[in-house]
Full PDB file with SEQRES, HELIX, SHEET, SSBOND, CRYST1, ORIGX, SCALE, CONECT and MASTER records, all heavy atoms in Angstrom:
SEQRES   1 A   42  LEU THR GLY ARG GLY ASP MET MET ARG GLN ASP ASP ILE          
SEQRES   2 A   42  GLN LEU ALA ASP VAL LYS VAL SER HIS ASP PHE ARG LEU          
SEQRES   3 A   42  ARG THR ASP MET ASP VAL ASP ILE GLN ARG ILE PRO LEU          
SEQRES   4 A   42  TYR GLU ILE                                                  
HELIX    1 AA1 GLN A   10  GLN A   14  1                                   5    
CRYST1    1.000    1.000    1.000  90.00  90.00  90.00 P 1           1          
ORIGX1      1.000000  0.000000  0.000000        0.00000                         
ORIGX2      0.000000  1.000000  0.000000        0.00000                         
ORIGX3      0.000000  0.000000  1.000000        0.00000                         
SCALE1      1.000000  0.000000  0.000000        0.00000                         
SCALE2      0.000000  1.000000  0.000000        0.00000                         
SCALE3      0.000000  0.000000  1.000000        0.00000                         
ATOM      1  N   LEU A   1       2.898  76.740  65.152  1.00  0.00           N  
ATOM      2  CA  LEU A   1       2.485  77.905  64.520  1.00  0.00           C  
ATOM      3  C   LEU A   1       1.849  77.769  63.257  1.00  0.00           C  
ATOM      4  O   LEU A   1       0.963  78.594  62.870  1.00  0.00           O  
ATOM      5  CB  LEU A   1       3.894  78.957  64.368  1.00  0.00           C  
ATOM      6  CG  LEU A   1       4.462  79.179  65.641  1.00  0.00           C  
ATOM      7  CD1 LEU A   1       5.795  80.028  65.222  1.00  0.00           C  
ATOM      8  CD2 LEU A   1       3.549  80.071  66.571  1.00  0.00           C  
ATOM      9  N   THR A   2       2.249  76.746  62.459  1.00  0.00           N  
ATOM     10  CA  THR A   2       1.632  76.653  61.040  1.00  0.00           C  
ATOM     11  C   THR A   2       0.811  75.411  60.821  1.00  0.00           C  
ATOM     12  O   THR A   2       0.130  75.195  59.823  1.00  0.00           O  
ATOM     13  CB  THR A   2       2.825  76.796  59.996  1.00  0.00           C  
ATOM     14  OG1 THR A   2       3.600  75.524  60.197  1.00  0.00           O  
ATOM     15  CG2 THR A   2       3.708  77.911  60.241  1.00  0.00           C  
ATOM     16  N   GLY A   3       1.012  74.363  61.717  1.00  0.00           N  
ATOM     17  CA  GLY A   3       0.405  73.071  61.353  1.00  0.00           C  
ATOM     18  C   GLY A   3       1.209  72.152  60.378  1.00  0.00           C  
ATOM     19  O   GLY A   3       0.811  71.031  60.128  1.00  0.00           O  
ATOM     20  N   ARG A   4       2.307  72.716  59.940  1.00  0.00           N  
ATOM     21  CA  ARG A   4       3.110  71.916  59.060  1.00  0.00           C  
ATOM     22  C   ARG A   4       4.159  70.941  59.757  1.00  0.00           C  
ATOM     23  O   ARG A   4       4.735  71.389  60.672  1.00  0.00           O  
ATOM     24  CB  ARG A   4       3.906  72.753  57.941  1.00  0.00           C  
ATOM     25  CG  ARG A   4       3.183  73.553  57.156  1.00  0.00           C  
ATOM     26  CD  ARG A   4       4.094  74.195  56.018  1.00  0.00           C  
ATOM     27  NE  ARG A   4       4.910  75.138  56.621  1.00  0.00           N  
ATOM     28  CZ  ARG A   4       4.765  76.551  56.712  1.00  0.00           C  
ATOM     29  NH1 ARG A   4       3.567  76.932  56.339  1.00  0.00           N  
ATOM     30  NH2 ARG A   4       5.623  77.256  57.242  1.00  0.00           N  
ATOM     31  N   GLY A   5       4.444  69.730  59.246  1.00  0.00           N  
ATOM     32  CA  GLY A   5       5.360  68.850  59.869  1.00  0.00           C  
ATOM     33  C   GLY A   5       4.729  68.014  60.875  1.00  0.00           C  
ATOM     34  O   GLY A   5       3.550  67.878  61.106  1.00  0.00           O  
ATOM     35  N   ASP A   6       5.623  67.465  61.728  1.00  0.00           N  
ATOM     36  CA  ASP A   6       5.372  66.624  62.782  1.00  0.00           C  
ATOM     37  C   ASP A   6       5.174  67.469  64.097  1.00  0.00           C  
ATOM     38  O   ASP A   6       5.657  68.525  64.351  1.00  0.00           O  
ATOM     39  CB  ASP A   6       6.314  65.685  63.094  1.00  0.00           C  
ATOM     40  CG  ASP A   6       6.512  64.756  61.948  1.00  0.00           C  
ATOM     41  OD1 ASP A   6       5.404  64.329  61.337  1.00  0.00           O  
ATOM     42  OD2 ASP A   6       7.647  64.271  61.645  1.00  0.00           O  
ATOM     43  N   MET A   7       4.264  67.016  65.037  1.00  0.00           N  
ATOM     44  CA  MET A   7       4.043  67.619  66.235  1.00  0.00           C  
ATOM     45  C   MET A   7       5.351  67.706  67.180  1.00  0.00           C  
ATOM     46  O   MET A   7       5.633  68.678  67.777  1.00  0.00           O  
ATOM     47  CB  MET A   7       2.924  66.985  67.071  1.00  0.00           C  
ATOM     48  CG  MET A   7       2.592  67.609  68.312  1.00  0.00           C  
ATOM     49  SD  MET A   7       1.351  66.667  69.454  1.00  0.00           S  
ATOM     50  CE  MET A   7      -0.101  67.087  68.653  1.00  0.00           C  
ATOM     51  N   MET A   8       5.983  66.572  67.324  1.00  0.00           N  
ATOM     52  CA  MET A   8       7.061  66.418  68.218  1.00  0.00           C  
ATOM     53  C   MET A   8       8.409  66.758  67.526  1.00  0.00           C  
ATOM     54  O   MET A   8       8.609  66.637  66.330  1.00  0.00           O  
ATOM     55  CB  MET A   8       7.224  65.000  68.816  1.00  0.00           C  
ATOM     56  CG  MET A   8       5.999  64.669  69.408  1.00  0.00           C  
ATOM     57  SD  MET A   8       5.347  65.670  70.855  1.00  0.00           S  
ATOM     58  CE  MET A   8       6.668  65.479  71.944  1.00  0.00           C  
ATOM     59  N   ARG A   9       9.233  67.543  68.359  1.00  0.00           N  
ATOM     60  CA  ARG A   9      10.597  67.840  67.785  1.00  0.00           C  
ATOM     61  C   ARG A   9      11.504  66.710  67.536  1.00  0.00           C  
ATOM     62  O   ARG A   9      11.590  65.742  68.334  1.00  0.00           O  
ATOM     63  CB  ARG A   9      11.268  68.777  68.869  1.00  0.00           C  
ATOM     64  CG  ARG A   9      10.699  70.157  68.902  1.00  0.00           C  
ATOM     65  CD  ARG A   9      11.319  70.948  70.121  1.00  0.00           C  
ATOM     66  NE  ARG A   9      12.768  70.931  70.061  1.00  0.00           N  
ATOM     67  CZ  ARG A   9      13.516  71.491  70.945  1.00  0.00           C  
ATOM     68  NH1 ARG A   9      12.954  72.104  71.961  1.00  0.00           N  
ATOM     69  NH2 ARG A   9      14.808  71.512  70.723  1.00  0.00           N  
ATOM     70  N   GLN A  10      11.974  66.590  66.228  1.00  0.00           N  
ATOM     71  CA  GLN A  10      12.860  65.354  65.850  1.00  0.00           C  
ATOM     72  C   GLN A  10      14.033  65.376  66.625  1.00  0.00           C  
ATOM     73  O   GLN A  10      14.683  64.350  66.854  1.00  0.00           O  
ATOM     74  CB  GLN A  10      13.066  65.551  64.426  1.00  0.00           C  
ATOM     75  CG  GLN A  10      11.726  65.180  63.516  1.00  0.00           C  
ATOM     76  CD  GLN A  10      11.087  63.885  63.965  1.00  0.00           C  
ATOM     77  OE1 GLN A  10      11.754  62.799  63.898  1.00  0.00           O  
ATOM     78  NE2 GLN A  10       9.860  63.972  64.354  1.00  0.00           N  
ATOM     79  N   ASP A  11      14.701  66.449  67.013  1.00  0.00           N  
ATOM     80  CA  ASP A  11      16.001  66.558  67.621  1.00  0.00           C  
ATOM     81  C   ASP A  11      15.866  65.846  68.981  1.00  0.00           C  
ATOM     82  O   ASP A  11      16.742  65.341  69.668  1.00  0.00           O  
ATOM     83  CB  ASP A  11      16.642  67.869  67.834  1.00  0.00           C  
ATOM     84  CG  ASP A  11      15.662  68.974  68.383  1.00  0.00           C  
ATOM     85  OD1 ASP A  11      14.496  68.556  68.800  1.00  0.00           O  
ATOM     86  OD2 ASP A  11      16.133  70.061  68.695  1.00  0.00           O  
ATOM     87  N   ASP A  12      14.624  65.961  69.638  1.00  0.00           N  
ATOM     88  CA  ASP A  12      14.387  65.261  70.911  1.00  0.00           C  
ATOM     89  C   ASP A  12      14.482  63.782  70.671  1.00  0.00           C  
ATOM     90  O   ASP A  12      14.954  63.002  71.793  1.00  0.00           O  
ATOM     91  CB  ASP A  12      12.850  65.512  71.502  1.00  0.00           C  
ATOM     92  CG  ASP A  12      12.933  66.812  72.110  1.00  0.00           C  
ATOM     93  OD1 ASP A  12      13.935  67.475  72.348  1.00  0.00           O  
ATOM     94  OD2 ASP A  12      11.706  67.256  72.349  1.00  0.00           O  
ATOM     95  N   ILE A  13      14.134  63.249  69.613  1.00  0.00           N  
ATOM     96  CA  ILE A  13      14.299  61.822  69.321  1.00  0.00           C  
ATOM     97  C   ILE A  13      15.694  61.471  68.868  1.00  0.00           C  
ATOM     98  O   ILE A  13      16.244  60.337  69.439  1.00  0.00           O  
ATOM     99  CB  ILE A  13      13.314  61.461  68.208  1.00  0.00           C  
ATOM    100  CG1 ILE A  13      11.791  61.709  68.546  1.00  0.00           C  
ATOM    101  CG2 ILE A  13      13.438  60.055  67.779  1.00  0.00           C  
ATOM    102  CD1 ILE A  13      10.859  61.465  67.549  1.00  0.00           C  
ATOM    103  N   GLN A  14      16.367  62.232  68.063  1.00  0.00           N  
ATOM    104  CA  GLN A  14      17.566  61.907  67.436  1.00  0.00           C  
ATOM    105  C   GLN A  14      18.780  62.172  68.335  1.00  0.00           C  
ATOM    106  O   GLN A  14      19.840  61.321  68.306  1.00  0.00           O  
ATOM    107  CB  GLN A  14      17.683  62.503  66.123  1.00  0.00           C  
ATOM    108  CG  GLN A  14      16.593  62.078  65.157  1.00  0.00           C  
ATOM    109  CD  GLN A  14      16.497  62.874  63.960  1.00  0.00           C  
ATOM    110  OE1 GLN A  14      17.308  63.801  63.816  1.00  0.00           O  
ATOM    111  NE2 GLN A  14      15.799  62.452  62.920  1.00  0.00           N  
ATOM    112  N   LEU A  15      18.828  63.229  69.147  1.00  0.00           N  
ATOM    113  CA  LEU A  15      19.961  63.671  69.713  1.00  0.00           C  
ATOM    114  C   LEU A  15      20.061  63.534  71.232  1.00  0.00           C  
ATOM    115  O   LEU A  15      21.214  63.619  71.931  1.00  0.00           O  
ATOM    116  CB  LEU A  15      20.212  65.198  69.520  1.00  0.00           C  
ATOM    117  CG  LEU A  15      20.303  65.580  68.131  1.00  0.00           C  
ATOM    118  CD1 LEU A  15      20.464  67.155  68.027  1.00  0.00           C  
ATOM    119  CD2 LEU A  15      21.518  64.844  67.420  1.00  0.00           C  
ATOM    120  N   ALA A  16      19.001  63.029  71.888  1.00  0.00           N  
ATOM    121  CA  ALA A  16      18.972  62.927  73.360  1.00  0.00           C  
ATOM    122  C   ALA A  16      19.489  61.691  74.009  1.00  0.00           C  
ATOM    123  O   ALA A  16      19.572  60.651  73.260  1.00  0.00           O  
ATOM    124  CB  ALA A  16      17.489  63.006  73.786  1.00  0.00           C  
ATOM    125  N   ASP A  17      20.194  61.786  75.108  1.00  0.00           N  
ATOM    126  CA  ASP A  17      20.647  60.682  75.768  1.00  0.00           C  
ATOM    127  C   ASP A  17      19.475  60.229  76.691  1.00  0.00           C  
ATOM    128  O   ASP A  17      18.628  60.925  77.111  1.00  0.00           O  
ATOM    129  CB  ASP A  17      21.786  61.064  76.839  1.00  0.00           C  
ATOM    130  CG  ASP A  17      23.133  61.351  76.205  1.00  0.00           C  
ATOM    131  OD1 ASP A  17      23.207  60.980  74.963  1.00  0.00           O  
ATOM    132  OD2 ASP A  17      23.800  62.155  76.799  1.00  0.00           O  
ATOM    133  N   VAL A  18      19.185  58.829  76.628  1.00  0.00           N  
ATOM    134  CA  VAL A  18      17.911  58.371  77.157  1.00  0.00           C  
ATOM    135  C   VAL A  18      18.267  57.420  78.385  1.00  0.00           C  
ATOM    136  O   VAL A  18      19.349  56.752  78.524  1.00  0.00           O  
ATOM    137  CB  VAL A  18      17.080  57.634  76.150  1.00  0.00           C  
ATOM    138  CG1 VAL A  18      16.801  58.548  74.865  1.00  0.00           C  
ATOM    139  CG2 VAL A  18      17.803  56.367  75.593  1.00  0.00           C  
ATOM    140  N   LYS A  19      17.248  57.377  79.137  1.00  0.00           N  
ATOM    141  CA  LYS A  19      17.212  56.321  80.108  1.00  0.00           C  
ATOM    142  C   LYS A  19      15.866  55.842  80.284  1.00  0.00           C  
ATOM    143  O   LYS A  19      14.929  56.488  80.172  1.00  0.00           O  
ATOM    144  CB  LYS A  19      17.797  56.840  81.496  1.00  0.00           C  
ATOM    145  CG  LYS A  19      16.883  57.809  82.212  1.00  0.00           C  
ATOM    146  CD  LYS A  19      17.400  58.094  83.599  1.00  0.00           C  
ATOM    147  CE  LYS A  19      16.373  59.005  84.381  1.00  0.00           C  
ATOM    148  NZ  LYS A  19      16.807  59.304  85.793  1.00  0.00           N  
ATOM    149  N   VAL A  20      15.752  54.606  80.937  1.00  0.00           N  
ATOM    150  CA  VAL A  20      14.296  54.066  81.267  1.00  0.00           C  
ATOM    151  C   VAL A  20      14.005  54.586  82.573  1.00  0.00           C  
ATOM    152  O   VAL A  20      14.727  54.297  83.610  1.00  0.00           O  
ATOM    153  CB  VAL A  20      14.487  52.413  81.172  1.00  0.00           C  
ATOM    154  CG1 VAL A  20      12.996  51.918  81.706  1.00  0.00           C  
ATOM    155  CG2 VAL A  20      14.828  51.867  79.924  1.00  0.00           C  
ATOM    156  N   SER A  21      13.083  55.565  82.642  1.00  0.00           N  
ATOM    157  CA  SER A  21      12.756  55.991  83.823  1.00  0.00           C  
ATOM    158  C   SER A  21      11.686  55.337  84.693  1.00  0.00           C  
ATOM    159  O   SER A  21      11.775  55.428  85.902  1.00  0.00           O  
ATOM    160  CB  SER A  21      12.053  57.466  83.509  1.00  0.00           C  
ATOM    161  OG  SER A  21      10.969  57.478  82.732  1.00  0.00           O  
ATOM    162  N   HIS A  22      10.955  54.542  84.087  1.00  0.00           N  
ATOM    163  CA  HIS A  22       9.970  53.622  84.707  1.00  0.00           C  
ATOM    164  C   HIS A  22       9.779  52.282  83.981  1.00  0.00           C  
ATOM    165  O   HIS A  22       9.679  52.387  82.826  1.00  0.00           O  
ATOM    166  CB  HIS A  22       8.701  54.416  84.929  1.00  0.00           C  
ATOM    167  CG  HIS A  22       8.626  55.530  85.795  1.00  0.00           C  
ATOM    168  ND1 HIS A  22       8.808  56.783  85.440  1.00  0.00           N  
ATOM    169  CD2 HIS A  22       8.547  55.611  87.194  1.00  0.00           C  
ATOM    170  CE1 HIS A  22       8.850  57.664  86.480  1.00  0.00           C  
ATOM    171  NE2 HIS A  22       8.644  57.018  87.514  1.00  0.00           N  
ATOM    172  N   ASP A  23       9.706  51.284  84.725  1.00  0.00           N  
ATOM    173  CA  ASP A  23       9.346  49.994  84.179  1.00  0.00           C  
ATOM    174  C   ASP A  23       8.052  49.407  84.905  1.00  0.00           C  
ATOM    175  O   ASP A  23       8.169  49.022  86.024  1.00  0.00           O  
ATOM    176  CB  ASP A  23      10.602  48.978  84.448  1.00  0.00           C  
ATOM    177  CG  ASP A  23      10.463  47.747  83.712  1.00  0.00           C  
ATOM    178  OD1 ASP A  23       9.467  47.465  82.970  1.00  0.00           O  
ATOM    179  OD2 ASP A  23      11.377  46.987  83.683  1.00  0.00           O  
ATOM    180  N   PHE A  24       7.032  49.473  84.024  1.00  0.00           N  
ATOM    181  CA  PHE A  24       5.673  49.124  84.645  1.00  0.00           C  
ATOM    182  C   PHE A  24       5.398  47.608  84.319  1.00  0.00           C  
ATOM    183  O   PHE A  24       4.733  47.369  83.496  1.00  0.00           O  
ATOM    184  CB  PHE A  24       4.676  50.017  84.092  1.00  0.00           C  
ATOM    185  CG  PHE A  24       4.971  51.452  84.051  1.00  0.00           C  
ATOM    186  CD1 PHE A  24       5.296  52.208  82.991  1.00  0.00           C  
ATOM    187  CD2 PHE A  24       4.849  52.096  85.380  1.00  0.00           C  
ATOM    188  CE1 PHE A  24       5.630  53.543  83.004  1.00  0.00           C  
ATOM    189  CE2 PHE A  24       5.186  53.521  85.361  1.00  0.00           C  
ATOM    190  CZ  PHE A  24       5.500  54.209  84.258  1.00  0.00           C  
ATOM    191  N   ARG A  25       6.026  46.742  85.074  1.00  0.00           N  
ATOM    192  CA  ARG A  25       6.082  45.259  84.724  1.00  0.00           C  
ATOM    193  C   ARG A  25       4.941  44.555  85.697  1.00  0.00           C  
ATOM    194  O   ARG A  25       4.622  45.070  86.808  1.00  0.00           O  
ATOM    195  CB  ARG A  25       7.353  44.653  84.962  1.00  0.00           C  
ATOM    196  CG  ARG A  25       7.900  44.659  86.254  1.00  0.00           C  
ATOM    197  CD  ARG A  25       9.341  43.986  86.319  1.00  0.00           C  
ATOM    198  NE  ARG A  25      10.221  44.622  85.354  1.00  0.00           N  
ATOM    199  CZ  ARG A  25      10.773  43.966  84.451  1.00  0.00           C  
ATOM    200  NH1 ARG A  25      10.342  42.760  84.042  1.00  0.00           N  
ATOM    201  NH2 ARG A  25      11.607  44.712  83.583  1.00  0.00           N  
ATOM    202  N   LEU A  26       4.503  43.455  85.098  1.00  0.00           N  
ATOM    203  CA  LEU A  26       3.588  42.679  85.890  1.00  0.00           C  
ATOM    204  C   LEU A  26       4.297  41.287  86.372  1.00  0.00           C  
ATOM    205  O   LEU A  26       5.493  41.092  85.877  1.00  0.00           O  
ATOM    206  CB  LEU A  26       2.487  42.130  84.881  1.00  0.00           C  
ATOM    207  CG  LEU A  26       1.652  43.243  84.247  1.00  0.00           C  
ATOM    208  CD1 LEU A  26       0.755  42.697  83.231  1.00  0.00           C  
ATOM    209  CD2 LEU A  26       0.832  44.064  85.323  1.00  0.00           C  
ATOM    210  N   ARG A  27       3.788  40.740  87.337  1.00  0.00           N  
ATOM    211  CA  ARG A  27       4.469  39.560  87.839  1.00  0.00           C  
ATOM    212  C   ARG A  27       4.591  38.477  86.826  1.00  0.00           C  
ATOM    213  O   ARG A  27       5.511  37.636  86.888  1.00  0.00           O  
ATOM    214  CB  ARG A  27       3.414  38.921  89.030  1.00  0.00           C  
ATOM    215  CG  ARG A  27       3.543  39.712  90.140  1.00  0.00           C  
ATOM    216  CD  ARG A  27       2.572  39.057  91.270  1.00  0.00           C  
ATOM    217  NE  ARG A  27       2.464  40.032  92.439  1.00  0.00           N  
ATOM    218  CZ  ARG A  27       1.699  39.752  93.513  1.00  0.00           C  
ATOM    219  NH1 ARG A  27       1.075  38.581  93.528  1.00  0.00           N  
ATOM    220  NH2 ARG A  27       1.647  40.554  94.569  1.00  0.00           N  
ATOM    221  N   THR A  28       3.733  38.327  85.752  1.00  0.00           N  
ATOM    222  CA  THR A  28       3.939  37.456  84.719  1.00  0.00           C  
ATOM    223  C   THR A  28       4.699  37.838  83.527  1.00  0.00           C  
ATOM    224  O   THR A  28       5.137  36.932  82.726  1.00  0.00           O  
ATOM    225  CB  THR A  28       2.521  37.102  84.107  1.00  0.00           C  
ATOM    226  OG1 THR A  28       1.927  38.421  83.581  1.00  0.00           O  
ATOM    227  CG2 THR A  28       1.602  36.547  85.140  1.00  0.00           C  
ATOM    228  N   ASP A  29       5.415  38.944  83.599  1.00  0.00           N  
ATOM    229  CA  ASP A  29       6.108  39.415  82.524  1.00  0.00           C  
ATOM    230  C   ASP A  29       7.517  38.663  82.598  1.00  0.00           C  
ATOM    231  O   ASP A  29       8.288  38.533  83.587  1.00  0.00           O  
ATOM    232  CB  ASP A  29       6.582  41.042  82.643  1.00  0.00           C  
ATOM    233  CG  ASP A  29       5.423  41.854  82.275  1.00  0.00           C  
ATOM    234  OD1 ASP A  29       4.568  41.373  81.433  1.00  0.00           O  
ATOM    235  OD2 ASP A  29       5.334  43.009  82.722  1.00  0.00           O  
ATOM    236  N   MET A  30       8.003  38.339  81.438  1.00  0.00           N  
ATOM    237  CA  MET A  30       9.272  37.715  81.139  1.00  0.00           C  
ATOM    238  C   MET A  30      10.157  38.602  80.433  1.00  0.00           C  
ATOM    239  O   MET A  30       9.811  39.052  79.332  1.00  0.00           O  
ATOM    240  CB  MET A  30       9.152  36.287  80.352  1.00  0.00           C  
ATOM    241  CG  MET A  30       8.232  35.302  81.019  1.00  0.00           C  
ATOM    242  SD  MET A  30       8.778  34.742  82.726  1.00  0.00           S  
ATOM    243  CE  MET A  30      10.205  33.723  81.989  1.00  0.00           C  
ATOM    244  N   ASP A  31      11.426  38.856  81.079  1.00  0.00           N  
ATOM    245  CA  ASP A  31      12.381  39.736  80.407  1.00  0.00           C  
ATOM    246  C   ASP A  31      12.877  39.167  79.087  1.00  0.00           C  
ATOM    247  O   ASP A  31      12.997  37.942  78.904  1.00  0.00           O  
ATOM    248  CB  ASP A  31      13.551  39.985  81.309  1.00  0.00           C  
ATOM    249  CG  ASP A  31      13.143  40.833  82.571  1.00  0.00           C  
ATOM    250  OD1 ASP A  31      12.020  41.384  82.573  1.00  0.00           O  
ATOM    251  OD2 ASP A  31      13.974  41.019  83.577  1.00  0.00           O  
ATOM    252  N   VAL A  32      13.006  40.081  78.142  1.00  0.00           N  
ATOM    253  CA  VAL A  32      13.857  39.804  76.820  1.00  0.00           C  
ATOM    254  C   VAL A  32      15.130  40.518  76.936  1.00  0.00           C  
ATOM    255  O   VAL A  32      15.169  41.672  77.280  1.00  0.00           O  
ATOM    256  CB  VAL A  32      12.898  40.290  75.680  1.00  0.00           C  
ATOM    257  CG1 VAL A  32      13.662  40.125  74.308  1.00  0.00           C  
ATOM    258  CG2 VAL A  32      11.516  39.649  75.625  1.00  0.00           C  
ATOM    259  N   ASP A  33      16.190  39.795  76.495  1.00  0.00           N  
ATOM    260  CA  ASP A  33      17.545  40.212  76.647  1.00  0.00           C  
ATOM    261  C   ASP A  33      17.647  41.636  75.997  1.00  0.00           C  
ATOM    262  O   ASP A  33      18.188  42.577  76.515  1.00  0.00           O  
ATOM    263  CB  ASP A  33      18.544  39.382  76.096  1.00  0.00           C  
ATOM    264  CG  ASP A  33      18.724  38.012  76.887  1.00  0.00           C  
ATOM    265  OD1 ASP A  33      18.413  38.075  78.083  1.00  0.00           O  
ATOM    266  OD2 ASP A  33      19.124  37.081  76.299  1.00  0.00           O  
ATOM    267  N   ILE A  34      17.267  41.711  74.735  1.00  0.00           N  
ATOM    268  CA  ILE A  34      17.304  43.051  74.119  1.00  0.00           C  
ATOM    269  C   ILE A  34      16.195  43.059  72.950  1.00  0.00           C  
ATOM    270  O   ILE A  34      16.035  42.082  72.355  1.00  0.00           O  
ATOM    271  CB  ILE A  34      18.646  43.476  73.582  1.00  0.00           C  
ATOM    272  CG1 ILE A  34      18.726  44.891  73.225  1.00  0.00           C  
ATOM    273  CG2 ILE A  34      19.099  42.538  72.420  1.00  0.00           C  
ATOM    274  CD1 ILE A  34      20.081  45.427  73.015  1.00  0.00           C  
ATOM    275  N   GLN A  35      15.478  44.067  72.861  1.00  0.00           N  
ATOM    276  CA  GLN A  35      14.421  44.197  71.760  1.00  0.00           C  
ATOM    277  C   GLN A  35      14.807  45.384  70.924  1.00  0.00           C  
ATOM    278  O   GLN A  35      15.238  46.358  71.360  1.00  0.00           O  
ATOM    279  CB  GLN A  35      13.062  44.343  72.282  1.00  0.00           C  
ATOM    280  CG  GLN A  35      12.667  43.270  73.400  1.00  0.00           C  
ATOM    281  CD  GLN A  35      11.353  43.540  74.038  1.00  0.00           C  
ATOM    282  OE1 GLN A  35      10.288  43.665  73.417  1.00  0.00           O  
ATOM    283  NE2 GLN A  35      11.441  43.785  75.235  1.00  0.00           N  
ATOM    284  N   ARG A  36      14.390  45.406  69.670  1.00  0.00           N  
ATOM    285  CA  ARG A  36      14.446  46.548  68.792  1.00  0.00           C  
ATOM    286  C   ARG A  36      13.014  46.998  68.601  1.00  0.00           C  
ATOM    287  O   ARG A  36      12.277  46.521  67.747  1.00  0.00           O  
ATOM    288  CB  ARG A  36      15.091  46.243  67.388  1.00  0.00           C  
ATOM    289  CG  ARG A  36      15.445  47.410  66.568  1.00  0.00           C  
ATOM    290  CD  ARG A  36      16.481  47.023  65.444  1.00  0.00           C  
ATOM    291  NE  ARG A  36      16.881  48.200  64.768  1.00  0.00           N  
ATOM    292  CZ  ARG A  36      16.528  48.543  63.529  1.00  0.00           C  
ATOM    293  NH1 ARG A  36      15.547  47.964  62.970  1.00  0.00           N  
ATOM    294  NH2 ARG A  36      17.018  49.639  63.041  1.00  0.00           N  
ATOM    295  N   ILE A  37      12.671  47.901  69.361  1.00  0.00           N  
ATOM    296  CA  ILE A  37      11.313  48.405  69.622  1.00  0.00           C  
ATOM    297  C   ILE A  37      10.955  49.615  68.668  1.00  0.00           C  
ATOM    298  O   ILE A  37      11.692  50.565  68.731  1.00  0.00           O  
ATOM    299  CB  ILE A  37      10.857  48.870  70.969  1.00  0.00           C  
ATOM    300  CG1 ILE A  37      11.119  47.578  71.843  1.00  0.00           C  
ATOM    301  CG2 ILE A  37       9.386  49.254  71.025  1.00  0.00           C  
ATOM    302  CD1 ILE A  37      11.215  47.891  73.257  1.00  0.00           C  
ATOM    303  N   PRO A  38      10.101  49.514  67.791  1.00  0.00           N  
ATOM    304  CA  PRO A  38       9.800  50.634  66.785  1.00  0.00           C  
ATOM    305  C   PRO A  38       8.989  51.815  67.519  1.00  0.00           C  
ATOM    306  O   PRO A  38       8.232  51.683  68.172  1.00  0.00           O  
ATOM    307  CB  PRO A  38       8.904  49.984  65.704  1.00  0.00           C  
ATOM    308  CG  PRO A  38       8.172  48.898  66.387  1.00  0.00           C  
ATOM    309  CD  PRO A  38       9.119  48.401  67.363  1.00  0.00           C  
ATOM    310  N   LEU A  39       9.542  53.069  67.219  1.00  0.00           N  
ATOM    311  CA  LEU A  39       9.008  54.340  67.699  1.00  0.00           C  
ATOM    312  C   LEU A  39       8.143  54.801  66.667  1.00  0.00           C  
ATOM    313  O   LEU A  39       8.588  55.307  65.552  1.00  0.00           O  
ATOM    314  CB  LEU A  39      10.080  55.214  68.094  1.00  0.00           C  
ATOM    315  CG  LEU A  39       9.489  56.564  68.630  1.00  0.00           C  
ATOM    316  CD1 LEU A  39       8.734  56.613  69.787  1.00  0.00           C  
ATOM    317  CD2 LEU A  39      10.850  57.503  68.846  1.00  0.00           C  
ATOM    318  N   TYR A  40       6.876  54.991  66.906  1.00  0.00           N  
ATOM    319  CA  TYR A  40       5.858  55.636  65.882  1.00  0.00           C  
ATOM    320  C   TYR A  40       5.508  56.973  66.216  1.00  0.00           C  
ATOM    321  O   TYR A  40       5.326  57.298  67.308  1.00  0.00           O  
ATOM    322  CB  TYR A  40       4.572  54.682  65.718  1.00  0.00           C  
ATOM    323  CG  TYR A  40       4.904  53.275  65.284  1.00  0.00           C  
ATOM    324  CD1 TYR A  40       4.977  52.198  66.212  1.00  0.00           C  
ATOM    325  CD2 TYR A  40       5.214  52.900  63.958  1.00  0.00           C  
ATOM    326  CE1 TYR A  40       5.141  50.900  65.854  1.00  0.00           C  
ATOM    327  CE2 TYR A  40       5.429  51.574  63.527  1.00  0.00           C  
ATOM    328  CZ  TYR A  40       5.406  50.690  64.579  1.00  0.00           C  
ATOM    329  OH  TYR A  40       5.644  49.323  64.173  1.00  0.00           O  
ATOM    330  N   GLU A  41       5.112  57.742  65.074  1.00  0.00           N  
ATOM    331  CA  GLU A  41       4.472  59.048  65.284  1.00  0.00           C  
ATOM    332  C   GLU A  41       3.118  58.894  64.900  1.00  0.00           C  
ATOM    333  O   GLU A  41       2.731  58.337  63.856  1.00  0.00           O  
ATOM    334  CB  GLU A  41       5.194  60.027  64.333  1.00  0.00           C  
ATOM    335  CG  GLU A  41       4.521  61.445  64.406  1.00  0.00           C  
ATOM    336  CD  GLU A  41       4.895  62.203  65.738  1.00  0.00           C  
ATOM    337  OE1 GLU A  41       5.961  61.916  66.252  1.00  0.00           O  
ATOM    338  OE2 GLU A  41       3.976  62.859  66.178  1.00  0.00           O  
ATOM    339  N   ILE A  42       2.147  59.214  65.933  1.00  0.00           N  
ATOM    340  CA  ILE A  42       0.686  59.051  65.709  1.00  0.00           C  
ATOM    341  C   ILE A  42       0.120  60.302  66.061  1.00  0.00           C  
ATOM    342  O   ILE A  42       0.536  61.118  66.916  1.00  0.00           O  
ATOM    343  CB  ILE A  42       0.079  57.973  66.630  1.00  0.00           C  
ATOM    344  CG1 ILE A  42       0.274  58.037  68.103  1.00  0.00           C  
ATOM    345  CG2 ILE A  42       0.672  56.653  66.115  1.00  0.00           C  
ATOM    346  CD1 ILE A  42      -0.373  57.072  68.925  1.00  0.00           C  
TER     347      ILE A  42                                                      
MASTER        0    0    0    1    0    0    0    6  346    1    0    4          
END                                                                             
């Protein structure tokens, strides 16, 4: 309505239970046990 702040709702990021809905892997992909992946706002 105003153009102020971020486009996406922050509570969607902070409060939601999440699941990996799709894994788009290639044959050459090697799994990593666990990664800390940064989520950016662009």
